[in-house]
N, C-alpha and C. Protein backbone atom coordinates (compact mmCIF):
# COMPACT_ATOMS: atom_id res chain seq x y z
N MET A 1 -15.85 -35.69 -26.71
CA MET A 1 -14.62 -34.90 -26.63
C MET A 1 -13.56 -35.67 -25.85
N LYS A 2 -12.36 -35.65 -26.31
CA LYS A 2 -11.27 -36.37 -25.67
C LYS A 2 -10.91 -35.71 -24.34
N THR A 3 -10.52 -36.57 -23.38
CA THR A 3 -10.18 -36.05 -22.05
C THR A 3 -8.89 -35.24 -22.07
N ASP A 4 -7.99 -35.49 -23.06
CA ASP A 4 -6.73 -34.75 -23.08
C ASP A 4 -6.90 -33.34 -23.61
N SER A 5 -8.12 -32.96 -24.06
CA SER A 5 -8.37 -31.60 -24.52
C SER A 5 -9.13 -30.78 -23.49
N ILE A 6 -9.16 -31.26 -22.27
CA ILE A 6 -9.80 -30.53 -21.18
C ILE A 6 -8.75 -29.77 -20.39
N VAL A 7 -9.04 -28.52 -20.08
CA VAL A 7 -8.14 -27.72 -19.25
C VAL A 7 -8.91 -27.28 -18.01
N TYR A 8 -8.34 -27.54 -16.84
CA TYR A 8 -8.94 -27.15 -15.57
C TYR A 8 -8.26 -25.89 -15.07
N LEU A 9 -9.08 -24.89 -14.72
CA LEU A 9 -8.56 -23.61 -14.26
C LEU A 9 -9.09 -23.31 -12.86
N ARG A 10 -8.18 -22.98 -11.96
CA ARG A 10 -8.56 -22.47 -10.64
C ARG A 10 -8.03 -21.05 -10.53
N LEU A 11 -8.92 -20.08 -10.61
CA LEU A 11 -8.51 -18.68 -10.60
C LEU A 11 -8.02 -18.26 -9.22
N LYS A 12 -7.03 -17.39 -9.20
CA LYS A 12 -6.55 -16.82 -7.96
C LYS A 12 -7.48 -15.68 -7.54
N ASN A 13 -7.52 -15.42 -6.25
CA ASN A 13 -8.40 -14.36 -5.75
C ASN A 13 -7.89 -12.97 -6.12
N ARG A 14 -6.60 -12.76 -5.96
CA ARG A 14 -6.02 -11.42 -6.17
C ARG A 14 -4.55 -11.56 -6.55
N ILE A 15 -4.13 -10.75 -7.52
CA ILE A 15 -2.71 -10.70 -7.89
C ILE A 15 -2.29 -9.23 -8.00
N GLN A 16 -0.99 -9.00 -7.98
CA GLN A 16 -0.45 -7.66 -8.14
C GLN A 16 0.47 -7.63 -9.36
N VAL A 17 0.32 -6.59 -10.17
CA VAL A 17 1.14 -6.45 -11.37
C VAL A 17 1.65 -5.02 -11.47
N LEU A 18 2.65 -4.83 -12.30
CA LEU A 18 3.20 -3.50 -12.56
C LEU A 18 2.43 -2.83 -13.70
N PRO A 19 2.50 -1.51 -13.81
CA PRO A 19 1.87 -0.82 -14.95
C PRO A 19 2.40 -1.34 -16.28
N GLN A 20 1.53 -1.37 -17.28
CA GLN A 20 1.86 -1.82 -18.64
C GLN A 20 2.19 -3.31 -18.70
N ALA A 21 1.83 -4.06 -17.67
CA ALA A 21 2.15 -5.49 -17.64
C ALA A 21 1.24 -6.27 -18.59
N GLN A 22 1.77 -7.35 -19.11
CA GLN A 22 0.98 -8.30 -19.89
C GLN A 22 0.61 -9.47 -18.98
N ILE A 23 -0.67 -9.66 -18.77
CA ILE A 23 -1.15 -10.68 -17.84
C ILE A 23 -1.43 -11.96 -18.61
N THR A 24 -0.69 -13.00 -18.29
CA THR A 24 -0.90 -14.30 -18.93
C THR A 24 -1.76 -15.19 -18.03
N LEU A 25 -2.21 -16.28 -18.60
CA LEU A 25 -3.13 -17.15 -17.87
C LEU A 25 -2.47 -17.77 -16.64
N LYS A 26 -1.17 -18.10 -16.72
CA LYS A 26 -0.51 -18.73 -15.58
C LYS A 26 -0.36 -17.78 -14.39
N GLU A 27 -0.45 -16.46 -14.64
CA GLU A 27 -0.33 -15.49 -13.56
C GLU A 27 -1.62 -15.36 -12.76
N ILE A 28 -2.73 -15.67 -13.37
CA ILE A 28 -4.02 -15.48 -12.70
C ILE A 28 -4.72 -16.79 -12.37
N ALA A 29 -4.13 -17.92 -12.75
CA ALA A 29 -4.82 -19.19 -12.52
C ALA A 29 -3.83 -20.33 -12.39
N THR A 30 -4.26 -21.36 -11.66
CA THR A 30 -3.56 -22.63 -11.65
C THR A 30 -4.14 -23.49 -12.76
N ILE A 31 -3.27 -24.03 -13.61
CA ILE A 31 -3.70 -24.70 -14.83
C ILE A 31 -3.34 -26.18 -14.76
N ILE A 32 -4.31 -27.04 -15.07
CA ILE A 32 -4.07 -28.47 -15.18
C ILE A 32 -4.64 -28.94 -16.51
N THR A 33 -3.79 -29.48 -17.36
CA THR A 33 -4.22 -30.00 -18.65
C THR A 33 -3.17 -30.98 -19.14
N ALA A 34 -3.42 -31.59 -20.27
CA ALA A 34 -2.47 -32.54 -20.84
C ALA A 34 -1.19 -31.82 -21.23
N GLU A 35 -0.07 -32.50 -21.17
CA GLU A 35 1.24 -31.90 -21.38
C GLU A 35 1.40 -31.18 -22.71
N PRO A 36 0.86 -31.65 -23.82
CA PRO A 36 1.04 -30.91 -25.07
C PRO A 36 0.43 -29.51 -25.05
N PHE A 37 -0.58 -29.30 -24.19
CA PHE A 37 -1.27 -28.01 -24.16
C PHE A 37 -0.86 -27.14 -22.97
N GLN A 38 -0.11 -27.69 -22.03
CA GLN A 38 0.19 -26.98 -20.79
C GLN A 38 0.89 -25.65 -21.05
N ARG A 39 1.96 -25.68 -21.82
CA ARG A 39 2.75 -24.46 -22.07
C ARG A 39 1.93 -23.44 -22.86
N THR A 40 1.14 -23.93 -23.81
CA THR A 40 0.32 -23.03 -24.61
C THR A 40 -0.69 -22.29 -23.74
N MET A 41 -1.31 -23.02 -22.82
CA MET A 41 -2.29 -22.40 -21.92
C MET A 41 -1.62 -21.41 -20.97
N GLU A 42 -0.45 -21.77 -20.44
CA GLU A 42 0.24 -20.91 -19.47
C GLU A 42 0.63 -19.57 -20.10
N ASP A 43 1.06 -19.58 -21.35
CA ASP A 43 1.56 -18.37 -22.00
C ASP A 43 0.47 -17.57 -22.73
N MET A 44 -0.77 -17.98 -22.59
CA MET A 44 -1.85 -17.28 -23.28
C MET A 44 -2.04 -15.88 -22.68
N LEU A 45 -2.04 -14.86 -23.52
CA LEU A 45 -2.22 -13.48 -23.06
C LEU A 45 -3.70 -13.24 -22.77
N ILE A 46 -3.99 -12.83 -21.55
CA ILE A 46 -5.37 -12.59 -21.12
C ILE A 46 -5.71 -11.11 -21.12
N TYR A 47 -4.75 -10.29 -20.70
CA TYR A 47 -5.06 -8.85 -20.58
C TYR A 47 -3.78 -8.04 -20.64
N GLN A 48 -3.86 -6.89 -21.27
CA GLN A 48 -2.76 -5.93 -21.36
C GLN A 48 -3.11 -4.70 -20.54
N VAL A 49 -2.37 -4.44 -19.48
CA VAL A 49 -2.61 -3.27 -18.64
C VAL A 49 -2.20 -2.02 -19.42
N SER A 50 -3.09 -1.03 -19.46
CA SER A 50 -2.82 0.20 -20.20
C SER A 50 -2.84 1.41 -19.27
N GLU A 51 -2.51 2.55 -19.81
CA GLU A 51 -2.49 3.78 -19.02
C GLU A 51 -3.89 4.20 -18.59
N GLN A 52 -4.91 3.74 -19.31
CA GLN A 52 -6.28 4.11 -18.96
C GLN A 52 -6.80 3.32 -17.76
N ASP A 53 -6.14 2.25 -17.42
CA ASP A 53 -6.58 1.43 -16.30
C ASP A 53 -6.30 2.14 -14.98
N ARG A 54 -7.21 1.92 -14.06
CA ARG A 54 -6.98 2.41 -12.70
C ARG A 54 -6.20 1.35 -11.93
N ASN A 55 -6.18 1.47 -10.62
CA ASN A 55 -5.34 0.54 -9.86
C ASN A 55 -6.01 -0.81 -9.62
N ILE A 56 -7.31 -0.94 -9.96
CA ILE A 56 -8.00 -2.20 -9.76
C ILE A 56 -8.65 -2.65 -11.07
N ILE A 57 -8.41 -3.90 -11.46
CA ILE A 57 -9.02 -4.50 -12.64
C ILE A 57 -9.64 -5.82 -12.21
N VAL A 58 -10.85 -6.09 -12.67
CA VAL A 58 -11.52 -7.36 -12.39
C VAL A 58 -11.63 -8.14 -13.69
N ILE A 59 -11.07 -9.34 -13.72
CA ILE A 59 -11.15 -10.22 -14.88
C ILE A 59 -12.10 -11.36 -14.56
N ASP A 60 -13.15 -11.48 -15.33
CA ASP A 60 -14.19 -12.48 -15.07
C ASP A 60 -13.81 -13.82 -15.72
N GLY A 61 -14.14 -14.90 -15.02
CA GLY A 61 -13.83 -16.23 -15.52
C GLY A 61 -14.53 -16.57 -16.81
N ILE A 62 -15.75 -16.06 -16.98
CA ILE A 62 -16.49 -16.33 -18.21
C ILE A 62 -15.75 -15.74 -19.42
N LYS A 63 -15.16 -14.58 -19.26
CA LYS A 63 -14.40 -13.97 -20.35
C LYS A 63 -13.15 -14.77 -20.68
N ILE A 64 -12.55 -15.38 -19.66
CA ILE A 64 -11.39 -16.23 -19.91
C ILE A 64 -11.80 -17.46 -20.70
N ILE A 65 -12.92 -18.05 -20.32
CA ILE A 65 -13.42 -19.22 -21.05
C ILE A 65 -13.72 -18.85 -22.50
N ASP A 66 -14.32 -17.67 -22.69
CA ASP A 66 -14.64 -17.22 -24.05
C ASP A 66 -13.37 -17.02 -24.87
N LEU A 67 -12.35 -16.45 -24.25
CA LEU A 67 -11.09 -16.21 -24.96
C LEU A 67 -10.41 -17.53 -25.35
N VAL A 68 -10.40 -18.49 -24.42
CA VAL A 68 -9.81 -19.79 -24.72
C VAL A 68 -10.57 -20.48 -25.84
N ALA A 69 -11.90 -20.37 -25.81
CA ALA A 69 -12.72 -21.01 -26.85
C ALA A 69 -12.45 -20.41 -28.23
N LYS A 70 -12.17 -19.11 -28.29
CA LYS A 70 -11.88 -18.47 -29.57
C LYS A 70 -10.50 -18.84 -30.11
N LEU A 71 -9.52 -18.91 -29.22
CA LEU A 71 -8.15 -19.20 -29.66
C LEU A 71 -7.90 -20.69 -29.83
N HIS A 72 -8.57 -21.50 -29.00
CA HIS A 72 -8.36 -22.94 -29.05
C HIS A 72 -9.72 -23.64 -29.00
N PRO A 73 -10.42 -23.70 -30.10
CA PRO A 73 -11.77 -24.28 -30.11
C PRO A 73 -11.80 -25.74 -29.67
N GLN A 74 -10.67 -26.45 -29.80
CA GLN A 74 -10.66 -27.86 -29.44
C GLN A 74 -10.59 -28.09 -27.93
N MET A 75 -10.33 -27.01 -27.16
CA MET A 75 -10.17 -27.14 -25.71
C MET A 75 -11.50 -26.96 -24.99
N GLU A 76 -11.73 -27.80 -23.99
CA GLU A 76 -12.88 -27.65 -23.10
C GLU A 76 -12.37 -27.11 -21.76
N VAL A 77 -12.95 -26.01 -21.29
CA VAL A 77 -12.48 -25.35 -20.07
C VAL A 77 -13.40 -25.68 -18.92
N GLN A 78 -12.83 -26.14 -17.83
CA GLN A 78 -13.56 -26.40 -16.58
C GLN A 78 -13.05 -25.42 -15.53
N LEU A 79 -13.92 -24.51 -15.09
CA LEU A 79 -13.54 -23.49 -14.12
C LEU A 79 -13.86 -23.99 -12.71
N ILE A 80 -12.84 -23.99 -11.85
CA ILE A 80 -12.98 -24.48 -10.47
C ILE A 80 -12.65 -23.34 -9.51
N GLY A 81 -13.46 -23.19 -8.46
CA GLY A 81 -13.15 -22.19 -7.44
C GLY A 81 -13.65 -20.81 -7.78
N PRO A 82 -12.88 -19.77 -7.46
CA PRO A 82 -13.33 -18.38 -7.68
C PRO A 82 -13.68 -18.12 -9.13
N GLN A 83 -14.64 -17.23 -9.34
CA GLN A 83 -15.11 -16.91 -10.68
C GLN A 83 -14.51 -15.63 -11.24
N GLN A 84 -13.83 -14.86 -10.41
CA GLN A 84 -13.20 -13.62 -10.85
C GLN A 84 -11.80 -13.51 -10.24
N VAL A 85 -10.97 -12.73 -10.92
CA VAL A 85 -9.64 -12.40 -10.42
C VAL A 85 -9.54 -10.89 -10.27
N ILE A 86 -9.09 -10.44 -9.11
CA ILE A 86 -8.86 -9.02 -8.88
C ILE A 86 -7.38 -8.73 -9.14
N VAL A 87 -7.12 -7.84 -10.07
CA VAL A 87 -5.76 -7.47 -10.43
C VAL A 87 -5.49 -6.07 -9.87
N GLN A 88 -4.49 -5.97 -9.02
CA GLN A 88 -4.11 -4.69 -8.44
C GLN A 88 -2.86 -4.18 -9.14
N VAL A 89 -2.99 -3.03 -9.79
CA VAL A 89 -1.87 -2.42 -10.50
C VAL A 89 -1.07 -1.59 -9.49
N MET A 90 0.20 -1.94 -9.31
CA MET A 90 1.04 -1.31 -8.30
C MET A 90 1.78 -0.12 -8.89
N TYR A 91 1.13 1.04 -8.86
CA TYR A 91 1.79 2.26 -9.33
C TYR A 91 2.79 2.73 -8.27
N LYS A 92 3.78 3.47 -8.71
CA LYS A 92 4.82 3.94 -7.80
C LYS A 92 4.22 4.91 -6.79
N LYS A 93 4.49 4.63 -5.52
CA LYS A 93 3.94 5.46 -4.45
C LYS A 93 4.93 6.56 -4.08
N ALA A 94 4.36 7.67 -3.70
CA ALA A 94 5.20 8.78 -3.25
C ALA A 94 5.81 8.45 -1.89
N LYS A 95 7.04 8.88 -1.68
CA LYS A 95 7.71 8.62 -0.41
C LYS A 95 7.05 9.41 0.71
N VAL A 96 6.91 8.73 1.84
CA VAL A 96 6.31 9.37 3.02
C VAL A 96 7.36 10.25 3.68
N SER A 97 6.99 11.50 3.92
CA SER A 97 7.93 12.43 4.55
C SER A 97 8.07 12.11 6.02
N ALA A 98 9.28 12.30 6.55
CA ALA A 98 9.55 12.01 7.96
C ALA A 98 8.72 12.89 8.90
N PRO A 99 8.57 14.21 8.63
CA PRO A 99 7.73 15.02 9.53
C PRO A 99 6.29 14.54 9.59
N LEU A 100 5.72 14.16 8.44
CA LEU A 100 4.35 13.66 8.43
C LEU A 100 4.23 12.36 9.22
N PHE A 101 5.22 11.47 9.07
CA PHE A 101 5.22 10.22 9.82
C PHE A 101 5.27 10.48 11.32
N LEU A 102 6.12 11.41 11.74
CA LEU A 102 6.24 11.72 13.17
C LEU A 102 4.97 12.33 13.73
N ILE A 103 4.32 13.18 12.93
CA ILE A 103 3.06 13.80 13.39
C ILE A 103 1.98 12.75 13.58
N VAL A 104 1.84 11.85 12.60
CA VAL A 104 0.84 10.78 12.70
C VAL A 104 1.15 9.86 13.86
N TRP A 105 2.43 9.49 14.02
CA TRP A 105 2.82 8.63 15.13
C TRP A 105 2.52 9.29 16.47
N PHE A 106 2.81 10.58 16.59
CA PHE A 106 2.57 11.30 17.84
C PHE A 106 1.07 11.36 18.16
N LEU A 107 0.25 11.63 17.15
CA LEU A 107 -1.20 11.70 17.37
C LEU A 107 -1.75 10.35 17.80
N LEU A 108 -1.28 9.27 17.16
CA LEU A 108 -1.75 7.94 17.53
C LEU A 108 -1.30 7.56 18.94
N PHE A 109 -0.06 7.94 19.27
CA PHE A 109 0.46 7.63 20.61
C PHE A 109 -0.34 8.35 21.68
N ILE A 110 -0.58 9.63 21.49
CA ILE A 110 -1.34 10.41 22.46
C ILE A 110 -2.78 9.90 22.54
N GLY A 111 -3.38 9.62 21.37
CA GLY A 111 -4.76 9.15 21.35
C GLY A 111 -4.94 7.82 22.07
N SER A 112 -4.04 6.88 21.83
CA SER A 112 -4.15 5.58 22.51
C SER A 112 -3.90 5.72 24.00
N GLY A 113 -2.95 6.59 24.38
CA GLY A 113 -2.69 6.82 25.81
C GLY A 113 -3.89 7.42 26.52
N VAL A 114 -4.53 8.41 25.90
CA VAL A 114 -5.72 9.03 26.49
C VAL A 114 -6.86 8.02 26.60
N THR A 115 -6.99 7.15 25.60
CA THR A 115 -8.03 6.12 25.63
C THR A 115 -7.84 5.18 26.80
N ILE A 116 -6.61 4.73 27.02
CA ILE A 116 -6.32 3.83 28.14
C ILE A 116 -6.59 4.53 29.47
N MET A 117 -6.17 5.79 29.59
CA MET A 117 -6.39 6.52 30.85
C MET A 117 -7.87 6.74 31.12
N ASN A 118 -8.63 7.05 30.07
CA ASN A 118 -10.08 7.24 30.25
C ASN A 118 -10.75 5.93 30.66
N PHE A 119 -10.30 4.83 30.09
CA PHE A 119 -10.87 3.53 30.48
C PHE A 119 -10.60 3.25 31.96
N HIS A 120 -9.37 3.47 32.39
CA HIS A 120 -9.02 3.23 33.79
C HIS A 120 -9.78 4.16 34.72
N GLU A 121 -10.03 5.39 34.26
CA GLU A 121 -10.80 6.33 35.07
C GLU A 121 -12.26 5.88 35.18
N ASP A 122 -12.81 5.36 34.08
CA ASP A 122 -14.21 4.91 34.09
C ASP A 122 -14.42 3.73 35.03
N VAL A 123 -13.47 2.81 35.09
CA VAL A 123 -13.63 1.62 35.94
C VAL A 123 -12.99 1.82 37.31
N SER A 124 -12.50 3.03 37.60
CA SER A 124 -11.89 3.35 38.90
C SER A 124 -10.75 2.39 39.24
N MET A 125 -9.83 2.26 38.31
CA MET A 125 -8.73 1.31 38.48
C MET A 125 -7.84 1.67 39.67
N GLN A 126 -7.62 2.97 39.90
CA GLN A 126 -6.77 3.36 41.02
C GLN A 126 -7.39 2.94 42.35
N GLU A 127 -8.70 3.10 42.50
CA GLU A 127 -9.37 2.69 43.74
C GLU A 127 -9.31 1.18 43.91
N VAL A 128 -9.40 0.45 42.79
CA VAL A 128 -9.30 -1.01 42.86
C VAL A 128 -7.92 -1.42 43.37
N HIS A 129 -6.87 -0.79 42.86
CA HIS A 129 -5.52 -1.10 43.32
C HIS A 129 -5.36 -0.75 44.80
N GLN A 130 -5.92 0.37 45.21
CA GLN A 130 -5.82 0.77 46.62
C GLN A 130 -6.49 -0.25 47.54
N LYS A 131 -7.69 -0.71 47.12
CA LYS A 131 -8.42 -1.67 47.94
C LYS A 131 -7.71 -3.02 47.98
N LEU A 132 -7.19 -3.46 46.82
CA LEU A 132 -6.46 -4.72 46.79
C LEU A 132 -5.20 -4.65 47.67
N PHE A 133 -4.50 -3.53 47.58
CA PHE A 133 -3.29 -3.37 48.39
C PHE A 133 -3.63 -3.39 49.88
N TYR A 134 -4.74 -2.77 50.25
CA TYR A 134 -5.16 -2.73 51.67
C TYR A 134 -5.59 -4.12 52.15
N LEU A 135 -6.31 -4.85 51.28
CA LEU A 135 -6.75 -6.18 51.66
C LEU A 135 -5.58 -7.13 51.86
N LEU A 136 -4.52 -6.98 51.06
CA LEU A 136 -3.39 -7.90 51.14
C LEU A 136 -2.37 -7.51 52.21
N THR A 137 -2.22 -6.21 52.46
CA THR A 137 -1.18 -5.75 53.40
C THR A 137 -1.75 -5.16 54.68
N GLY A 138 -3.01 -4.71 54.63
CA GLY A 138 -3.58 -4.04 55.79
C GLY A 138 -3.09 -2.63 55.96
N ILE A 139 -2.37 -2.10 54.96
CA ILE A 139 -1.81 -0.75 55.02
C ILE A 139 -2.51 0.12 53.97
N PRO A 140 -3.17 1.19 54.36
CA PRO A 140 -3.77 2.09 53.37
C PRO A 140 -2.70 2.88 52.63
N ASP A 141 -2.82 2.95 51.31
CA ASP A 141 -1.83 3.65 50.49
C ASP A 141 -2.54 4.25 49.29
N LYS A 142 -2.43 5.57 49.10
CA LYS A 142 -3.08 6.23 47.97
C LYS A 142 -2.37 5.93 46.65
N LYS A 143 -1.09 5.57 46.71
CA LYS A 143 -0.33 5.25 45.50
C LYS A 143 0.34 3.88 45.68
N PRO A 144 -0.44 2.81 45.52
CA PRO A 144 0.13 1.46 45.69
C PRO A 144 1.01 1.06 44.51
N LEU A 145 2.22 1.60 44.46
CA LEU A 145 3.12 1.34 43.33
C LEU A 145 3.46 -0.13 43.20
N LEU A 146 3.36 -0.88 44.32
CA LEU A 146 3.64 -2.31 44.27
C LEU A 146 2.68 -3.02 43.31
N PHE A 147 1.49 -2.48 43.12
CA PHE A 147 0.51 -3.02 42.17
C PHE A 147 0.58 -2.29 40.83
N GLN A 148 0.72 -0.98 40.90
CA GLN A 148 0.59 -0.18 39.69
C GLN A 148 1.73 -0.40 38.70
N ILE A 149 2.97 -0.53 39.20
CA ILE A 149 4.11 -0.73 38.30
C ILE A 149 4.03 -2.08 37.57
N PRO A 150 3.84 -3.22 38.30
CA PRO A 150 3.69 -4.50 37.57
C PRO A 150 2.47 -4.49 36.64
N TYR A 151 1.40 -3.83 37.04
CA TYR A 151 0.21 -3.76 36.19
C TYR A 151 0.52 -3.03 34.88
N SER A 152 1.26 -1.93 34.96
CA SER A 152 1.62 -1.17 33.76
C SER A 152 2.51 -1.98 32.83
N ILE A 153 3.48 -2.70 33.42
CA ILE A 153 4.35 -3.55 32.61
C ILE A 153 3.54 -4.67 31.96
N GLY A 154 2.66 -5.28 32.75
CA GLY A 154 1.83 -6.36 32.22
C GLY A 154 0.88 -5.90 31.13
N LEU A 155 0.42 -4.66 31.23
CA LEU A 155 -0.45 -4.11 30.20
C LEU A 155 0.27 -4.03 28.86
N GLY A 156 1.52 -3.56 28.89
CA GLY A 156 2.31 -3.49 27.65
C GLY A 156 2.62 -4.86 27.09
N LEU A 157 3.02 -5.81 27.97
CA LEU A 157 3.31 -7.16 27.51
C LEU A 157 2.06 -7.84 26.95
N GLY A 158 0.91 -7.56 27.58
CA GLY A 158 -0.35 -8.13 27.10
C GLY A 158 -0.70 -7.65 25.70
N MET A 159 -0.43 -6.39 25.42
CA MET A 159 -0.70 -5.86 24.08
C MET A 159 0.22 -6.50 23.05
N ILE A 160 1.49 -6.75 23.44
CA ILE A 160 2.42 -7.41 22.53
C ILE A 160 1.95 -8.82 22.21
N LEU A 161 1.50 -9.56 23.24
CA LEU A 161 1.00 -10.91 23.01
C LEU A 161 -0.29 -10.90 22.21
N PHE A 162 -1.13 -9.88 22.44
CA PHE A 162 -2.41 -9.79 21.72
C PHE A 162 -2.18 -9.58 20.23
N PHE A 163 -1.27 -8.68 19.89
CA PHE A 163 -1.01 -8.39 18.48
C PHE A 163 0.01 -9.35 17.86
N ASN A 164 0.65 -10.19 18.70
CA ASN A 164 1.52 -11.27 18.22
C ASN A 164 2.72 -10.75 17.43
N HIS A 165 3.18 -9.55 17.75
CA HIS A 165 4.33 -8.99 17.04
C HIS A 165 5.19 -8.18 18.01
N VAL A 166 6.49 -8.28 17.82
CA VAL A 166 7.43 -7.36 18.45
C VAL A 166 8.14 -6.66 17.30
N PHE A 167 7.70 -5.43 17.01
CA PHE A 167 8.12 -4.71 15.81
C PHE A 167 7.73 -5.58 14.59
N LYS A 168 8.70 -6.05 13.78
CA LYS A 168 8.39 -6.87 12.61
C LYS A 168 8.50 -8.37 12.89
N LYS A 169 8.89 -8.73 14.09
CA LYS A 169 9.09 -10.15 14.42
C LYS A 169 7.81 -10.75 14.98
N ARG A 170 7.36 -11.86 14.37
CA ARG A 170 6.18 -12.56 14.83
C ARG A 170 6.55 -13.50 15.97
N ILE A 171 5.72 -13.52 17.02
CA ILE A 171 6.00 -14.37 18.18
C ILE A 171 5.73 -15.83 17.85
N ASN A 172 4.59 -16.13 17.23
CA ASN A 172 4.28 -17.49 16.81
C ASN A 172 3.54 -17.44 15.48
N GLU A 173 3.15 -18.59 14.96
CA GLU A 173 2.56 -18.68 13.63
C GLU A 173 1.08 -18.36 13.60
N GLU A 174 0.45 -18.25 14.76
CA GLU A 174 -0.99 -17.96 14.80
C GLU A 174 -1.25 -16.51 14.39
N PRO A 175 -2.29 -16.27 13.60
CA PRO A 175 -2.62 -14.88 13.24
C PRO A 175 -3.16 -14.12 14.45
N SER A 176 -2.82 -12.85 14.52
CA SER A 176 -3.33 -12.02 15.61
C SER A 176 -4.76 -11.60 15.30
N PRO A 177 -5.54 -11.17 16.31
CA PRO A 177 -6.90 -10.68 16.04
C PRO A 177 -6.92 -9.53 15.04
N LEU A 178 -5.88 -8.69 15.06
CA LEU A 178 -5.82 -7.59 14.09
C LEU A 178 -5.66 -8.13 12.67
N GLU A 179 -4.82 -9.15 12.49
CA GLU A 179 -4.63 -9.74 11.17
C GLU A 179 -5.91 -10.40 10.68
N VAL A 180 -6.66 -11.03 11.60
CA VAL A 180 -7.93 -11.65 11.21
C VAL A 180 -8.93 -10.59 10.77
N GLU A 181 -8.96 -9.47 11.48
CA GLU A 181 -9.86 -8.39 11.11
C GLU A 181 -9.47 -7.78 9.76
N ILE A 182 -8.17 -7.63 9.53
CA ILE A 182 -7.70 -7.10 8.24
C ILE A 182 -8.08 -8.06 7.12
N PHE A 183 -7.95 -9.36 7.38
CA PHE A 183 -8.32 -10.37 6.37
C PHE A 183 -9.81 -10.29 6.06
N SER A 184 -10.64 -10.18 7.10
CA SER A 184 -12.09 -10.07 6.88
C SER A 184 -12.44 -8.79 6.12
N TYR A 185 -11.75 -7.72 6.45
CA TYR A 185 -11.97 -6.45 5.75
C TYR A 185 -11.58 -6.57 4.28
N GLN A 186 -10.44 -7.25 4.00
CA GLN A 186 -9.98 -7.42 2.62
C GLN A 186 -10.96 -8.26 1.82
N GLN A 187 -11.53 -9.29 2.45
CA GLN A 187 -12.53 -10.12 1.77
C GLN A 187 -13.77 -9.30 1.42
N ALA A 188 -14.21 -8.47 2.37
CA ALA A 188 -15.38 -7.63 2.11
C ALA A 188 -15.09 -6.63 0.99
N MET A 189 -13.88 -6.07 0.99
CA MET A 189 -13.50 -5.14 -0.06
C MET A 189 -13.45 -5.82 -1.42
N ASP A 190 -12.90 -7.03 -1.47
CA ASP A 190 -12.84 -7.77 -2.73
C ASP A 190 -14.23 -8.06 -3.26
N GLN A 191 -15.15 -8.44 -2.37
CA GLN A 191 -16.51 -8.72 -2.79
C GLN A 191 -17.18 -7.46 -3.32
N TYR A 192 -16.93 -6.35 -2.67
CA TYR A 192 -17.49 -5.07 -3.12
C TYR A 192 -16.95 -4.71 -4.51
N ILE A 193 -15.64 -4.88 -4.68
CA ILE A 193 -15.03 -4.56 -5.97
C ILE A 193 -15.61 -5.42 -7.08
N ILE A 194 -15.77 -6.72 -6.79
CA ILE A 194 -16.32 -7.63 -7.79
C ILE A 194 -17.74 -7.23 -8.17
N MET A 195 -18.53 -6.84 -7.18
CA MET A 195 -19.92 -6.49 -7.44
C MET A 195 -20.08 -5.17 -8.18
N HIS A 196 -19.18 -4.20 -7.92
CA HIS A 196 -19.37 -2.85 -8.45
C HIS A 196 -18.43 -2.50 -9.61
N GLU A 197 -17.37 -3.28 -9.79
CA GLU A 197 -16.40 -2.95 -10.84
C GLU A 197 -16.42 -3.94 -12.00
N ASN A 198 -17.13 -5.03 -11.84
CA ASN A 198 -17.02 -6.11 -12.80
C ASN A 198 -17.50 -5.71 -14.19
N LYS A 199 -18.60 -4.98 -14.29
CA LYS A 199 -19.15 -4.63 -15.59
C LYS A 199 -18.16 -3.79 -16.39
N GLU A 200 -17.53 -2.82 -15.74
CA GLU A 200 -16.57 -1.98 -16.45
C GLU A 200 -15.34 -2.78 -16.87
N SER A 201 -14.87 -3.66 -16.00
CA SER A 201 -13.67 -4.45 -16.29
C SER A 201 -13.95 -5.45 -17.41
N GLN A 202 -15.16 -5.99 -17.47
CA GLN A 202 -15.50 -6.92 -18.54
C GLN A 202 -15.39 -6.23 -19.90
N LYS A 203 -15.80 -4.98 -19.95
CA LYS A 203 -15.69 -4.23 -21.21
C LYS A 203 -14.23 -4.07 -21.59
N LYS A 204 -13.37 -3.84 -20.60
CA LYS A 204 -11.95 -3.66 -20.89
C LYS A 204 -11.33 -4.96 -21.39
N VAL A 205 -11.70 -6.07 -20.79
CA VAL A 205 -11.15 -7.35 -21.22
C VAL A 205 -11.58 -7.66 -22.63
N ASP A 206 -12.80 -7.27 -22.98
CA ASP A 206 -13.29 -7.50 -24.34
C ASP A 206 -12.56 -6.62 -25.35
N GLY A 207 -11.89 -5.59 -24.85
CA GLY A 207 -11.21 -4.67 -25.75
C GLY A 207 -12.10 -3.58 -26.27
N SER A 208 -13.29 -3.40 -25.66
CA SER A 208 -14.20 -2.35 -26.12
C SER A 208 -14.02 -1.10 -25.30
């Protein structure tokens, strides 16, 4: 077989499309092949999103190879990297009501505040501040504000540095621990979807 009839495909892990979208090969994969075949491969229709589809579709690499072999028998397909593509159909979301947002925000604010106070109560933080203030000044004080106020400010600044965000502005390019956890969670979810949804999605890609 000639080397110019080989097409190399590296599937993407996840893409997002609109309802009723036509998914072409260039949208789900990086394609490397000889120039006469490049445009043909890029514009190849792989899947048509229909109303029966849910918000997640899994397209298997083997089915892509089979489709290419049927439409272009002269092409040899080499699949590199991921073996499946997760397609997320972005249906229109309902607008979040302002009262619901405020209720959720209030509950989270109160819950996080109570958690911090319970932690400080468990470790006797007030007594620690009192003892530190006495050791440094020799003056007993039940409310050592000289320690408590800077500590409270530092606690808030520490959380900002930990999450690496001030509202929508990122402090530096390093991912925050929360972003790393979200990434790990997304990977686990993708693996679960591939394992449990693949059989149904393969039937859809076949058109059955």
